[in-house]
Amino acid sequence: MRHYTYALLGAVAGLALSASAFAQKLPDQLTWTAYDVGSGGYNQAVAVGNALKNKMNVTLRVLPGKNDVSRTVPLREGKVPFSANGVGGTYMAQEGVYEFGAKEWGPQKVRTLLLNNSDALLTIVAAKDTGVKTMADLKGKRVAWVIGAPSLNQNITALLAYANLTWNDVQKVEFGGFGQAMQGIINGQVDAAFSSTISGPVYQLASSPRGVAYPTVPHGDKAGWARLKAKAPFFVPFMGAEGAEMSADKKVEAATYPYPVLMTYDTVDAGQVYAMTKAMVELFDEYKAAAPGNGGWDIKRQVFDWVVPVHEGAVKYFKEIKVWKPEYDKSNAALIERQKVLAEAWAAHGKGSHADDAAAMKAWQKTRAAALEKAKMDVFLTEW
């Protein structure tokens, strides 16, 4: 599924435009949402903002959100056009699962611009003093559950499944946000949480008395991978090389996925999406070394047939620089059709009456699964 685009070399440079040409399409004031201050996504967004200011005189305000819902609300309400979001605010939102299956949400018609495929990992991070070395070693340990962050929690669910474990095999410790969960490891309140290996708190953990460890996910365990991808189809095998106590000479065999995902909604103006995508690609050299993981925004590392459709404005730019293949039109159309099926299922679900919110959620789980099965599409998640 990961089709990286390497045949680009001189194309981007040849198509570079002046700062004034950019500024005609991007507003002088621009806002993204991102994860908490100190997270990898937040730090990268700030670095992009510096490049936009220096080269285009565009001011990028980064609005931090402690979970997927809080990052996505401003986009849904039309107050912010873009987010350096996670799988929760993109894939989970598209699917209408977990918090996004609540009556005030439902499946969202989200779109991507660019995916960050860096050498860092999105994985379970543990305190080294626990002795955890593999996912199986998490059995009986205290693991963070972040309220309002379905991506973090589902990712842990999937990684536990790799080792044939469930949340019943660990001690669930609830936190209100990512930052609190990571601080909880440092403070000794919990033993493991889900994070980017390049986030500030992971470096803090590594330098703390507890130290940092990354439970491995060996790529040769086919049964384990089948269990993992049944819970989280967006994961891929990867050798992590960037993060606290990681390097090209000290890689970690693991599972990961793109983060952050620069995303938006289908209703956002195509011209603005085109301009944002163009700026990200053509200013890459200005911000690539300004924050850990920024190298993952490289156009040569893009995946154009991931699990969420690409916005038409971004597609227009990708076609112009000749990195968009005809087969991507087919995969993108299929993903848009999936969103249509989900939207219709949600509309039908809304016509029913339910005793309470819990009953409504159960009914939605059944309606969603039935609609996807009827359309011969993968269900991915039947209950949560």
Protein backbone atom coordinates (compact mmCIF):
# COMPACT_ATOMS: atom_id res chain seq x y z
CA MET A 1 0.00 0.00 0.00
CA ARG A 2 2.94 2.33 0.56
CA HIS A 3 3.97 3.62 -2.86
CA TYR A 4 6.67 6.19 -2.26
CA THR A 5 7.36 8.69 -5.02
CA TYR A 6 11.06 9.00 -5.75
CA ALA A 7 11.10 10.12 -9.39
CA LEU A 8 10.92 13.81 -8.69
CA LEU A 9 14.43 15.19 -8.17
CA GLY A 10 14.36 18.36 -10.26
CA ALA A 11 10.62 18.75 -10.71
CA VAL A 12 9.84 20.70 -7.56
CA ALA A 13 12.73 23.11 -7.94
CA GLY A 14 11.74 23.77 -11.54
CA LEU A 15 8.23 24.69 -10.52
CA ALA A 16 9.13 26.95 -7.58
CA LEU A 17 7.32 30.25 -7.50
CA SER A 18 8.14 33.52 -5.79
CA ALA A 19 6.93 34.39 -2.31
CA SER A 20 4.56 36.97 -3.77
CA ALA A 21 2.91 34.34 -5.96
CA PHE A 22 2.32 32.19 -2.87
CA ALA A 23 0.94 35.07 -0.83
CA GLN A 24 -1.74 35.76 -3.44
CA LYS A 25 -3.41 32.46 -2.51
CA LEU A 26 -2.57 31.90 1.16
CA PRO A 27 -4.05 34.38 3.65
CA ASP A 28 -1.69 36.56 5.67
CA GLN A 29 -2.98 34.91 8.84
CA LEU A 30 -3.36 31.12 8.87
CA THR A 31 -4.23 28.70 11.67
CA TRP A 32 -3.56 24.99 12.12
CA THR A 33 -4.53 22.83 15.03
CA ALA A 34 -1.94 20.38 16.33
CA TYR A 35 -1.26 18.17 19.32
CA ASP A 36 -0.15 19.48 22.72
CA VAL A 37 2.74 21.91 23.06
CA GLY A 38 5.95 19.88 23.00
CA SER A 39 4.55 17.07 20.86
CA GLY A 40 6.24 16.15 17.59
CA GLY A 41 3.32 17.48 15.57
CA TYR A 42 3.29 20.81 17.39
CA ASN A 43 7.03 21.30 17.01
CA GLN A 44 6.86 20.53 13.29
CA ALA A 45 3.96 22.94 12.78
CA VAL A 46 5.93 25.71 14.47
CA ALA A 47 8.88 25.00 12.16
CA VAL A 48 6.61 25.18 9.11
CA GLY A 49 5.22 28.45 10.47
CA ASN A 50 8.70 29.94 10.67
CA ALA A 51 9.34 29.04 7.03
CA LEU A 52 6.01 30.53 5.96
CA LYS A 53 6.81 33.74 7.84
CA ASN A 54 10.37 34.03 6.56
CA LYS A 55 9.67 33.24 2.92
CA MET A 56 6.06 34.28 2.37
CA ASN A 57 5.27 36.69 5.22
CA VAL A 58 2.39 34.41 6.19
CA THR A 59 1.79 34.08 9.93
CA LEU A 60 0.87 30.57 11.01
CA ARG A 61 -0.83 30.27 14.39
CA VAL A 62 -0.64 26.79 15.90
CA LEU A 63 -3.61 25.96 18.13
CA PRO A 64 -2.76 23.03 20.45
CA GLY A 65 -5.35 20.39 21.29
CA LYS A 66 -4.93 17.70 23.92
CA ASN A 67 -6.77 15.01 21.95
CA ASP A 68 -8.24 14.09 18.55
CA VAL A 69 -11.63 15.63 19.24
CA SER A 70 -10.30 18.99 20.41
CA ARG A 71 -8.04 19.22 17.35
CA THR A 72 -10.88 18.42 14.97
CA VAL A 73 -13.69 20.57 16.41
CA PRO A 74 -12.28 23.87 15.00
CA LEU A 75 -12.10 22.31 11.53
CA ARG A 76 -15.60 20.92 11.67
CA GLU A 77 -16.91 24.34 12.73
CA GLY A 78 -15.07 26.06 9.90
CA LYS A 79 -12.91 28.18 12.21
CA VAL A 80 -9.63 26.57 11.13
CA PRO A 81 -8.85 25.15 7.66
CA PHE A 82 -6.05 22.68 8.46
CA SER A 83 -4.72 20.41 11.18
CA ALA A 84 -1.48 18.55 11.77
CA ASN A 85 -3.65 15.74 13.04
CA GLY A 86 -3.27 12.09 13.95
CA VAL A 87 -5.00 8.94 12.81
CA GLY A 88 -7.82 9.69 15.25
CA GLY A 89 -8.76 13.01 13.70
CA THR A 90 -8.46 11.59 10.19
CA TYR A 91 -9.14 7.87 9.87
CA MET A 92 -11.20 7.40 13.05
CA ALA A 93 -13.16 10.55 12.23
CA GLN A 94 -13.81 9.29 8.71
CA GLU A 95 -15.01 5.96 10.09
CA GLY A 96 -17.25 7.45 12.78
CA VAL A 97 -15.86 5.22 15.52
CA TYR A 98 -15.05 5.71 19.20
CA GLU A 99 -15.69 9.35 20.18
CA PHE A 100 -16.54 10.08 16.56
CA GLY A 101 -19.44 7.64 16.80
CA ALA A 102 -21.20 9.89 19.33
CA LYS A 103 -24.42 11.61 18.29
CA GLU A 104 -22.74 15.02 17.92
CA TRP A 105 -20.20 13.58 15.46
CA GLY A 106 -20.69 10.68 13.11
CA PRO A 107 -18.49 9.95 10.04
CA GLN A 108 -16.59 13.03 8.89
CA LYS A 109 -15.72 13.83 5.27
CA VAL A 110 -12.07 14.55 5.89
CA ARG A 111 -9.29 14.87 3.33
CA THR A 112 -5.49 14.77 3.41
CA LEU A 113 -2.93 17.14 1.90
CA LEU A 114 0.35 15.53 2.93
CA LEU A 115 1.48 12.69 5.18
CA ASN A 116 4.59 12.79 7.31
CA ASN A 117 6.47 9.52 6.83
CA SER A 118 9.57 10.18 8.90
CA ASP A 119 12.16 7.83 10.39
CA ALA A 120 10.45 8.28 13.75
CA LEU A 121 7.90 5.86 15.15
CA LEU A 122 4.35 6.11 16.42
CA THR A 123 4.40 3.36 18.99
CA ILE A 124 4.06 2.35 22.60
CA VAL A 125 6.74 3.97 24.73
CA ALA A 126 7.58 2.36 28.06
CA ALA A 127 9.72 3.17 31.07
CA LYS A 128 12.98 1.25 30.79
CA ASP A 129 12.98 0.37 34.48
CA THR A 130 9.95 -1.88 33.90
CA GLY A 131 12.10 -4.32 31.94
CA VAL A 132 9.69 -4.21 28.99
CA LYS A 133 11.38 -5.25 25.73
CA THR A 134 8.53 -6.74 23.66
CA MET A 135 4.79 -6.09 23.40
CA ALA A 136 4.18 -9.33 25.31
CA ASP A 137 6.12 -7.88 28.25
CA LEU A 138 3.36 -5.30 28.76
CA LYS A 139 1.17 -7.95 30.39
CA GLY A 140 0.28 -6.77 33.89
CA LYS A 141 1.86 -3.35 33.38
CA ARG A 142 0.11 0.02 33.84
CA VAL A 143 -0.84 1.41 30.41
CA ALA A 144 -2.23 4.90 29.69
CA TRP A 145 -5.71 5.38 28.24
CA VAL A 146 -6.21 8.98 27.02
CA ILE A 147 -9.81 10.17 27.28
CA GLY A 148 -11.06 11.68 24.02
CA ALA A 149 -8.16 10.25 21.97
CA PRO A 150 -9.48 7.21 20.07
CA SER A 151 -6.40 6.96 17.88
CA LEU A 152 -4.02 6.60 20.82
CA ASN A 153 -6.23 4.05 22.51
CA GLN A 154 -7.01 2.02 19.39
CA ASN A 155 -3.32 1.99 18.48
CA ILE A 156 -2.47 0.49 21.83
CA THR A 157 -5.33 -1.99 21.38
CA ALA A 158 -3.84 -3.06 18.04
CA LEU A 159 -0.28 -3.35 19.35
CA LEU A 160 -1.49 -5.37 22.32
CA ALA A 161 -3.34 -7.63 19.89
CA TYR A 162 -0.07 -8.27 18.09
CA ALA A 163 1.09 -9.97 21.30
CA ASN A 164 -2.32 -11.64 21.81
CA LEU A 165 -3.11 -9.27 24.66
CA THR A 166 -6.12 -7.06 25.39
CA TRP A 167 -6.80 -4.21 27.81
CA ASN A 168 -7.92 -6.88 30.28
CA ASP A 169 -4.32 -8.09 30.41
CA VAL A 170 -2.94 -4.71 31.49
CA GLN A 171 -3.82 -2.11 34.12
CA LYS A 172 -5.66 0.75 32.39
CA VAL A 173 -4.79 4.19 33.81
CA GLU A 174 -6.87 7.10 32.48
CA PHE A 175 -5.46 10.53 31.60
CA GLY A 176 -7.05 13.67 30.18
CA GLY A 177 -4.46 14.26 27.46
CA PHE A 178 -1.31 13.05 25.75
CA GLY A 179 0.99 15.33 27.72
CA GLN A 180 -0.49 14.17 31.02
CA ALA A 181 -0.07 10.53 30.04
CA MET A 182 3.60 10.99 29.15
CA GLN A 183 4.25 12.98 32.31
CA GLY A 184 2.56 10.13 34.14
CA ILE A 185 5.31 7.75 33.01
CA ILE A 186 8.01 10.14 34.17
CA ASN A 187 6.24 10.58 37.52
CA GLY A 188 5.80 6.85 38.04
CA GLN A 189 1.99 6.86 37.73
CA VAL A 190 1.95 4.60 34.68
CA ASP A 191 4.44 2.39 32.82
CA ALA A 192 3.60 2.87 29.13
CA ALA A 193 1.74 5.17 26.73
CA PHE A 194 1.43 5.78 23.00
CA SER A 195 3.60 8.52 21.49
CA SER A 196 5.82 9.69 18.69
CA THR A 197 9.43 8.82 19.44
CA ILE A 198 10.42 12.41 18.62
CA SER A 199 8.01 14.16 20.97
CA GLY A 200 9.49 16.32 23.71
CA PRO A 201 8.11 14.18 26.56
CA VAL A 202 9.84 11.06 25.18
CA TYR A 203 13.20 12.85 25.32
CA GLN A 204 12.33 13.93 28.87
CA LEU A 205 11.53 10.32 29.77
CA ALA A 206 14.81 9.15 28.26
CA SER A 207 16.76 11.60 30.44
CA SER A 208 14.74 10.82 33.58
CA PRO A 209 15.70 8.15 36.14
CA ARG A 210 13.16 5.76 34.59
CA GLY A 211 14.66 5.84 31.09
CA VAL A 212 12.90 4.92 27.84
CA ALA A 213 12.21 1.59 26.11
CA TYR A 214 10.40 0.72 22.88
CA PRO A 215 8.59 -2.66 22.88
CA THR A 216 9.49 -4.35 19.59
CA VAL A 217 7.09 -5.60 16.91
CA PRO A 218 9.06 -8.21 14.89
CA HIS A 219 8.10 -8.11 11.22
CA GLY A 220 8.32 -11.87 10.69
CA ASP A 221 5.40 -12.72 12.99
CA LYS A 222 2.66 -13.03 10.35
CA ALA A 223 -0.03 -14.10 12.82
CA GLY A 224 0.80 -11.18 15.08
CA TRP A 225 0.66 -8.76 12.17
CA ALA A 226 -2.69 -10.16 11.05
CA ARG A 227 -4.10 -9.48 14.51
CA LEU A 228 -2.59 -6.00 14.56
CA LYS A 229 -3.89 -4.94 11.13
CA ALA A 230 -7.34 -6.33 11.90
CA LYS A 231 -7.52 -3.65 14.60
CA ALA A 232 -5.57 -0.89 12.82
CA PRO A 233 -5.18 -1.26 9.02
CA PHE A 234 -3.14 1.95 8.78
CA PHE A 235 -0.08 0.39 10.48
CA VAL A 236 2.93 -0.79 8.45
CA PRO A 237 6.21 -2.56 9.40
CA PHE A 238 9.07 -0.11 9.88
CA MET A 239 12.57 0.17 11.32
CA GLY A 240 12.55 3.29 13.49
CA ALA A 241 15.72 5.37 13.40
CA GLU A 242 14.76 8.76 14.81
CA GLY A 243 13.91 9.59 18.38
CA ALA A 244 15.22 9.45 21.92
CA GLU A 245 18.04 6.89 22.10
CA MET A 246 17.47 5.88 18.45
CA SER A 247 19.66 6.39 15.38
CA ALA A 248 20.55 4.87 12.02
CA ASP A 249 22.90 2.56 13.93
CA LYS A 250 20.39 1.83 16.68
CA LYS A 251 17.10 1.05 14.95
CA VAL A 252 13.96 -0.40 16.49
CA GLU A 253 11.92 -3.09 14.71
CA ALA A 254 8.40 -1.80 15.03
CA ALA A 255 5.05 -0.83 13.51
CA THR A 256 4.10 2.74 12.67
CA TYR A 257 2.00 4.97 10.41
CA PRO A 258 2.14 8.55 9.06
CA TYR A 259 2.16 11.33 11.66
CA PRO A 260 1.28 14.07 11.54
CA VAL A 261 -1.29 14.04 8.77
CA LEU A 262 -1.87 17.49 7.31
CA MET A 263 -5.63 17.28 6.83
CA THR A 264 -8.75 19.28 6.18
CA TYR A 265 -12.42 18.80 5.30
CA ASP A 266 -13.87 18.23 1.83
CA THR A 267 -15.65 21.60 2.06
CA VAL A 268 -12.47 23.69 2.38
CA ASP A 269 -11.74 25.76 -0.72
CA ALA A 270 -9.68 23.81 -3.28
CA GLY A 271 -7.61 26.90 -4.10
CA GLN A 272 -6.52 27.30 -0.50
CA VAL A 273 -5.71 23.59 -0.21
CA TYR A 274 -3.72 23.79 -3.45
CA ALA A 275 -1.74 26.77 -2.11
CA MET A 276 -1.08 25.11 1.25
CA THR A 277 0.10 21.89 -0.40
CA LYS A 278 2.30 23.83 -2.79
CA ALA A 279 3.85 25.84 0.03
CA MET A 280 4.58 22.72 2.07
CA VAL A 281 6.31 21.02 -0.85
CA GLU A 282 8.20 23.98 -2.26
CA LEU A 283 9.35 25.35 1.09
CA PHE A 284 10.49 21.93 2.30
CA ASP A 285 14.19 22.81 2.28
CA GLU A 286 13.42 25.76 4.56
CA TYR A 287 11.92 23.69 7.38
CA LYS A 288 13.14 20.10 6.87
CA ALA A 289 15.89 20.37 9.49
CA ALA A 290 14.08 22.74 11.85
CA ALA A 291 12.31 20.10 13.96
CA PRO A 292 12.72 16.36 14.55
CA GLY A 293 10.80 14.30 12.00
CA ASN A 294 10.31 17.11 9.50
CA GLY A 295 12.09 15.07 6.84
CA GLY A 296 8.95 12.95 6.64
CA TRP A 297 7.13 15.76 4.78
CA ASP A 298 9.41 15.22 1.77
CA ILE A 299 7.39 14.78 -1.42
CA LYS A 300 9.49 11.70 -2.17
CA ARG A 301 8.07 10.03 0.95
CA GLN A 302 4.40 10.62 0.20
CA VAL A 303 1.80 7.84 0.09
CA PHE A 304 -1.03 8.75 -2.25
CA ASP A 305 -3.23 5.68 -1.70
CA TRP A 306 -3.48 5.61 2.09
CA VAL A 307 -6.75 5.06 4.03
CA VAL A 308 -8.19 8.61 3.75
CA PRO A 309 -8.83 10.40 0.42
CA VAL A 310 -6.64 13.26 -0.81
CA HIS A 311 -8.31 16.67 -1.23
CA GLU A 312 -8.95 17.72 -4.82
CA GLY A 313 -6.84 20.86 -4.33
CA ALA A 314 -3.83 18.76 -3.35
CA VAL A 315 -4.50 16.33 -6.20
CA LYS A 316 -4.39 19.24 -8.65
CA TYR A 317 -0.92 20.22 -7.42
CA PHE A 318 0.36 16.64 -7.39
CA LYS A 319 -0.76 16.21 -10.99
CA GLU A 320 1.03 19.40 -11.97
CA ILE A 321 4.34 18.16 -10.60
CA LYS A 322 3.69 14.72 -12.12
CA VAL A 323 3.76 12.58 -8.99
CA TRP A 324 0.11 11.54 -9.17
CA LYS A 325 -0.44 8.29 -11.07
CA PRO A 326 -3.70 7.31 -12.83
CA GLU A 327 -4.25 4.44 -10.40
CA TYR A 328 -4.45 6.94 -7.54
CA ASP A 329 -7.63 8.37 -9.07
CA LYS A 330 -9.22 4.95 -8.67
CA SER A 331 -8.10 4.45 -5.06
CA ASN A 332 -9.11 8.01 -4.14
CA ALA A 333 -12.55 7.58 -5.68
CA ALA A 334 -13.02 4.34 -3.73
CA LEU A 335 -12.19 6.11 -0.47
CA ILE A 336 -14.60 8.95 -1.26
CA GLU A 337 -17.27 6.34 -2.02
CA ARG A 338 -16.58 4.75 1.37
CA GLN A 339 -17.25 8.10 3.03
CA LYS A 340 -20.50 8.35 1.07
CA VAL A 341 -21.60 4.92 2.29
CA LEU A 342 -20.76 5.87 5.87
CA ALA A 343 -22.62 9.19 5.58
CA GLU A 344 -25.74 7.47 4.28
CA ALA A 345 -25.55 4.90 7.06
CA TRP A 346 -25.27 7.70 9.63
CA ALA A 347 -28.29 9.47 8.17
CA ALA A 348 -30.32 6.26 8.40
CA HIS A 349 -29.11 5.71 11.97
CA GLY A 350 -30.23 9.23 12.91
CA LYS A 351 -33.83 8.41 12.04
CA GLY A 352 -34.03 5.79 14.78
CA SER A 353 -34.93 6.29 18.43
CA HIS A 354 -32.71 5.04 21.23
CA ALA A 355 -33.11 4.74 24.97
CA ASP A 356 -29.87 6.55 25.74
CA ASP A 357 -26.45 7.41 24.31
CA ALA A 358 -25.07 3.96 25.02
CA ALA A 359 -27.94 2.34 23.14
CA ALA A 360 -27.46 4.77 20.25
CA MET A 361 -23.77 3.86 20.04
CA LYS A 362 -24.55 0.13 19.98
CA ALA A 363 -27.12 0.69 17.24
CA TRP A 364 -24.63 2.72 15.21
CA GLN A 365 -22.03 -0.03 15.48
CA LYS A 366 -24.48 -2.47 13.90
CA THR A 367 -25.74 -0.02 11.26
CA ARG A 368 -22.22 0.95 10.25
CA ALA A 369 -21.02 -2.64 9.94
CA ALA A 370 -24.09 -3.69 7.94
CA ALA A 371 -23.73 -0.78 5.50
CA LEU A 372 -20.04 -1.48 4.85
CA GLU A 373 -20.64 -5.20 4.45
CA LYS A 374 -23.46 -4.53 1.98
CA ALA A 375 -21.11 -2.29 -0.02
CA LYS A 376 -18.45 -5.03 0.13
CA MET A 377 -16.08 -2.78 2.07
CA ASP A 378 -13.88 -3.70 5.03
CA VAL A 379 -15.63 -3.03 8.33
CA PHE A 380 -12.36 -2.72 10.33
CA LEU A 381 -14.11 -2.24 13.67
CA THR A 382 -17.42 -3.74 14.73
CA GLU A 383 -17.55 -2.52 18.33
CA TRP A 384 -15.68 -0.17 20.63
